[in-house]
Amino acid sequence: MGRRENPVDRTVPEKEKLADFLRARRHHAQMTYKQMAARSTVVSAATFERAASGAVVPSWETIQEFILATAGEGDFHPELFMDRARQLWIKARRATRAPFYVRRAPDPTLLSSPADFVRALRHQHVWAGYPTPGEMERMSGPGILPRTTARRIIEGDVLPVDPQQAIAFLKACYVVRAVDLQPWLASAVRILRDVPSRSRSLDSWVRAHEQMVRQAQTESAAQAPPSPSQDKQAA
């Protein structure tokens, strides 16, 4: 395993937990950082080692490469390690970037005005650990959420121009499940009904909300345990 690495920096508990998780993945794979770097075309051994030091919060790209580099044939569900890594990474970013007064994610069901909606989007951005406008643009795909638009929404200057842009912003802030996106769209529909300047686009928000409700129902059905009758049929 090479030379003994320095102890984890335990100054910030959230960064400590992320570092411990990454080191556990490396030890499980029985790999050196140099061997990990040989599996990656974009991350060096020094960057991998620093990512698992607890001294920094690495980029998400580095975390992804770390998990992929340490994945072995015995890891039947590597996506579970990736999901756990993302949760720890977001908490570490939140702990080091978010203001002290942000203690929970915003509740979209409580919004009653465009100003509330903008403020909630800004708080969701904080809760997600301040992804940069450039990161959000890359996560959303070409042309959907330009970094200049993401920056203006973050700064509270504008609302998303359409539901696709709102969904892209929220997904870039790690609100990704339909069941979690649906309340945001429901609030947008409720709020925009009282905004005359948005009346022409209201139908698109309504359709997006209805589609998200159906998607949430599909996701819930897929995750539900099989009924006894289904078990008998399968047998």
Protein backbone atom coordinates (compact mmCIF):
# COMPACT_ATOMS: atom_id res chain seq x y z
CA MET A 1 0.00 0.00 0.00
CA GLY A 2 3.04 2.31 -0.07
CA ARG A 3 4.04 4.83 2.56
CA ARG A 4 1.80 5.62 5.51
CA GLU A 5 -0.42 8.59 4.67
CA ASN A 6 -1.06 11.48 7.03
CA PRO A 7 -3.98 11.27 9.48
CA VAL A 8 -7.31 12.66 8.31
CA ASP A 9 -7.87 16.33 9.14
CA ARG A 10 -10.79 16.16 11.58
CA THR A 11 -11.33 19.92 12.00
CA VAL A 12 -14.68 19.87 10.15
CA PRO A 13 -16.77 16.72 10.88
CA GLU A 14 -18.47 16.72 7.47
CA LYS A 15 -15.14 16.82 5.63
CA GLU A 16 -13.83 14.16 7.99
CA LYS A 17 -16.70 11.79 7.14
CA LEU A 18 -16.13 12.25 3.42
CA ALA A 19 -12.40 11.58 3.80
CA ASP A 20 -13.02 8.49 5.93
CA PHE A 21 -15.44 7.16 3.32
CA LEU A 22 -12.94 7.68 0.50
CA ARG A 23 -10.11 6.07 2.44
CA ALA A 24 -12.32 3.10 3.23
CA ARG A 25 -12.99 2.67 -0.50
CA ARG A 26 -9.26 2.74 -1.25
CA HIS A 27 -8.41 0.28 1.52
CA HIS A 28 -11.19 -2.04 0.35
CA ALA A 29 -9.72 -1.96 -3.17
CA GLN A 30 -6.19 -2.46 -1.74
CA MET A 31 -4.80 0.14 -4.12
CA THR A 32 -2.22 2.90 -3.87
CA TYR A 33 -3.04 6.39 -5.07
CA LYS A 34 -0.59 5.84 -7.91
CA GLN A 35 -2.49 2.73 -8.99
CA MET A 36 -5.76 4.66 -8.81
CA ALA A 37 -4.31 7.42 -10.99
CA ALA A 38 -3.32 4.82 -13.56
CA ARG A 39 -7.01 3.94 -13.89
CA SER A 40 -7.99 7.58 -14.41
CA THR A 41 -7.16 9.80 -17.34
CA VAL A 42 -7.96 13.06 -15.56
CA VAL A 43 -6.95 12.81 -11.86
CA SER A 44 -3.41 12.50 -10.51
CA ALA A 45 -2.25 10.47 -7.51
CA ALA A 46 -1.60 13.68 -5.56
CA THR A 47 -5.15 14.92 -6.24
CA PHE A 48 -6.64 11.60 -5.11
CA GLU A 49 -4.57 11.71 -1.92
CA ARG A 50 -5.57 15.30 -1.18
CA ALA A 51 -9.24 14.45 -1.80
CA ALA A 52 -9.06 11.86 1.01
CA SER A 53 -7.15 14.10 3.41
CA GLY A 54 -10.08 15.89 5.07
CA ALA A 55 -8.28 19.18 4.47
CA VAL A 56 -10.33 20.10 1.39
CA VAL A 57 -13.65 19.45 -0.27
CA PRO A 58 -12.63 18.10 -3.69
CA SER A 59 -14.59 18.65 -6.88
CA TRP A 60 -17.41 16.25 -7.68
CA GLU A 61 -15.48 15.13 -10.75
CA THR A 62 -12.61 14.02 -8.48
CA ILE A 63 -15.03 12.15 -6.21
CA GLN A 64 -16.55 10.36 -9.19
CA GLU A 65 -13.11 9.34 -10.46
CA PHE A 66 -12.18 8.15 -6.94
CA ILE A 67 -15.20 5.83 -6.77
CA LEU A 68 -14.70 4.54 -10.31
CA ALA A 69 -10.97 3.93 -9.76
CA THR A 70 -11.63 1.87 -6.61
CA ALA A 71 -14.59 -0.09 -7.98
CA GLY A 72 -13.91 -3.79 -8.23
CA GLU A 73 -15.61 -6.85 -9.69
CA GLY A 74 -17.06 -7.66 -6.27
CA ASP A 75 -18.89 -4.32 -6.08
CA PHE A 76 -22.24 -5.37 -7.50
CA HIS A 77 -23.91 -1.98 -6.95
CA PRO A 78 -21.27 0.75 -7.48
CA GLU A 79 -24.08 3.29 -7.91
CA LEU A 80 -24.79 2.94 -4.19
CA PHE A 81 -21.24 4.02 -3.36
CA MET A 82 -21.61 6.93 -5.79
CA ASP A 83 -24.89 8.00 -4.14
CA ARG A 84 -23.33 7.80 -0.67
CA ALA A 85 -20.31 9.76 -1.85
CA ARG A 86 -22.57 12.46 -3.29
CA GLN A 87 -24.50 12.78 -0.02
CA LEU A 88 -21.29 13.16 1.98
CA TRP A 89 -19.82 15.55 -0.57
CA ILE A 90 -22.88 17.83 -0.52
CA LYS A 91 -22.84 17.91 3.29
CA ALA A 92 -19.13 18.78 3.27
CA ARG A 93 -19.67 21.59 0.76
CA ARG A 94 -22.64 22.85 2.76
CA ALA A 95 -20.61 22.86 5.98
CA THR A 96 -17.82 24.90 4.42
CA ARG A 97 -19.85 27.25 2.18
CA ALA A 98 -23.37 27.79 3.52
CA PRO A 99 -24.20 30.66 5.88
CA PHE A 100 -24.85 29.68 9.47
CA TYR A 101 -28.55 30.56 9.25
CA VAL A 102 -29.38 27.94 6.57
CA ARG A 103 -30.39 24.97 8.70
CA ARG A 104 -32.71 23.06 6.37
CA ALA A 105 -33.76 22.77 2.76
CA PRO A 106 -36.52 25.18 1.68
CA ASP A 107 -40.11 23.93 1.69
CA PRO A 108 -41.69 24.83 -1.68
CA THR A 109 -45.22 24.22 -0.34
CA LEU A 110 -44.90 27.36 1.81
CA LEU A 111 -44.24 29.77 -1.08
CA SER A 112 -46.85 32.39 -1.94
CA SER A 113 -45.19 34.98 -4.21
CA PRO A 114 -42.59 35.28 -6.96
CA ALA A 115 -40.22 36.78 -4.39
CA ASP A 116 -40.70 33.71 -2.19
CA PHE A 117 -39.96 31.45 -5.15
CA VAL A 118 -36.74 33.29 -6.03
CA ARG A 119 -35.65 33.26 -2.38
CA ALA A 120 -36.36 29.53 -2.10
CA LEU A 121 -34.31 28.79 -5.23
CA ARG A 122 -31.43 30.76 -3.72
CA HIS A 123 -31.69 28.85 -0.44
CA GLN A 124 -31.80 25.54 -2.31
CA HIS A 125 -28.62 26.60 -4.08
CA VAL A 126 -27.00 27.28 -0.70
CA TRP A 127 -28.30 23.97 0.70
CA ALA A 128 -26.74 22.16 -2.26
CA GLY A 129 -23.33 23.54 -1.32
CA TYR A 130 -23.10 26.48 -3.73
CA PRO A 131 -22.56 24.76 -7.09
CA THR A 132 -20.96 27.31 -9.39
CA PRO A 133 -22.85 28.65 -12.43
CA GLY A 134 -20.36 26.81 -14.63
CA GLU A 135 -21.01 23.51 -12.83
CA MET A 136 -24.76 24.05 -13.13
CA GLU A 137 -24.50 24.76 -16.86
CA ARG A 138 -22.50 21.55 -17.42
CA MET A 139 -24.96 19.48 -15.39
CA SER A 140 -27.94 20.85 -17.33
CA GLY A 141 -26.73 20.33 -20.88
CA PRO A 142 -26.12 22.80 -23.71
CA GLY A 143 -28.43 25.80 -23.85
CA ILE A 144 -30.82 24.80 -21.06
CA LEU A 145 -29.31 26.76 -18.17
CA PRO A 146 -26.56 29.14 -19.36
CA ARG A 147 -24.17 30.12 -16.59
CA THR A 148 -25.16 33.79 -16.93
CA THR A 149 -28.81 32.86 -16.32
CA ALA A 150 -27.90 30.57 -13.42
CA ARG A 151 -25.93 33.44 -11.88
CA ARG A 152 -28.85 35.86 -12.22
CA ILE A 153 -31.22 33.36 -10.57
CA ILE A 154 -28.71 32.77 -7.77
CA GLU A 155 -28.42 36.51 -7.24
CA GLY A 156 -32.20 36.84 -7.09
CA ASP A 157 -32.50 39.03 -10.19
CA VAL A 158 -34.80 36.81 -12.27
CA LEU A 159 -37.15 33.86 -12.18
CA PRO A 160 -36.57 30.89 -14.49
CA VAL A 161 -38.13 31.75 -17.84
CA ASP A 162 -39.90 28.39 -18.20
CA PRO A 163 -40.42 25.12 -16.30
CA GLN A 164 -37.54 23.40 -18.13
CA GLN A 165 -35.14 26.03 -16.86
CA ALA A 166 -36.55 25.77 -13.32
CA ILE A 167 -36.18 21.98 -13.38
CA ALA A 168 -32.62 22.30 -14.71
CA PHE A 169 -31.75 24.75 -11.92
CA LEU A 170 -33.22 22.48 -9.24
CA LYS A 171 -31.54 19.36 -10.62
CA ALA A 172 -28.23 21.22 -10.62
CA CYS A 173 -28.96 21.85 -6.94
CA TYR A 174 -29.51 18.09 -6.44
CA VAL A 175 -33.30 18.11 -6.37
CA VAL A 176 -33.54 15.27 -8.87
CA ARG A 177 -36.43 12.94 -8.00
CA ALA A 178 -39.83 13.66 -9.55
CA VAL A 179 -41.47 13.38 -6.13
CA ASP A 180 -39.25 16.23 -4.91
CA LEU A 181 -39.56 18.35 -8.07
CA GLN A 182 -43.34 18.11 -8.19
CA PRO A 183 -43.99 20.45 -5.17
CA TRP A 184 -41.75 23.11 -6.72
CA LEU A 185 -43.73 23.07 -9.96
CA ALA A 186 -47.03 23.04 -8.04
CA SER A 187 -45.94 26.16 -6.17
CA ALA A 188 -44.84 27.84 -9.40
CA VAL A 189 -48.26 27.19 -10.98
CA ARG A 190 -50.05 28.53 -7.90
CA ILE A 191 -47.87 31.65 -7.76
CA LEU A 192 -47.83 32.47 -11.46
CA ARG A 193 -51.64 32.41 -11.69
CA ASP A 194 -51.52 35.78 -9.91
CA VAL A 195 -48.81 37.27 -12.13
CA PRO A 196 -50.41 38.82 -15.25
CA SER A 197 -47.11 39.09 -17.11
CA ARG A 198 -46.72 35.31 -16.87
CA SER A 199 -50.23 34.36 -17.96
CA ARG A 200 -49.13 33.42 -21.49
CA SER A 201 -46.63 30.87 -20.20
CA LEU A 202 -48.81 29.46 -17.43
CA ASP A 203 -50.02 26.56 -19.58
CA SER A 204 -46.45 25.28 -20.00
CA TRP A 205 -45.98 25.27 -16.22
CA VAL A 206 -49.27 23.43 -15.74
CA ARG A 207 -48.30 20.78 -18.30
CA ALA A 208 -44.84 20.39 -16.75
CA HIS A 209 -46.41 19.93 -13.31
CA GLU A 210 -48.89 17.33 -14.59
CA GLN A 211 -46.09 15.44 -16.31
CA MET A 212 -43.98 15.53 -13.14
CA VAL A 213 -46.90 14.17 -11.10
CA ARG A 214 -47.20 11.23 -13.51
CA GLN A 215 -43.46 10.66 -13.37
CA ALA A 216 -43.52 10.69 -9.56
CA GLN A 217 -46.32 8.11 -9.60
CA THR A 218 -44.32 5.91 -11.96
CA GLU A 219 -41.23 6.18 -9.77
CA SER A 220 -43.25 5.32 -6.65
CA ALA A 221 -44.79 2.29 -8.35
CA ALA A 222 -41.38 1.07 -9.47
CA GLN A 223 -40.01 1.35 -5.93
CA ALA A 224 -43.01 -0.25 -4.20
CA PRO A 225 -42.51 -3.83 -2.91
CA PRO A 226 -44.42 -6.50 -4.85
CA SER A 227 -47.85 -7.47 -3.57
CA PRO A 228 -48.49 -11.05 -2.34
CA SER A 229 -50.46 -11.80 -5.54
CA GLN A 230 -47.50 -10.66 -7.65
CA ASP A 231 -45.19 -12.90 -5.62
CA LYS A 232 -47.48 -15.88 -6.29
CA GLN A 233 -47.58 -15.13 -10.03
CA ALA A 234 -43.79 -14.86 -10.12
CA ALA A 235 -43.52 -18.20 -8.32
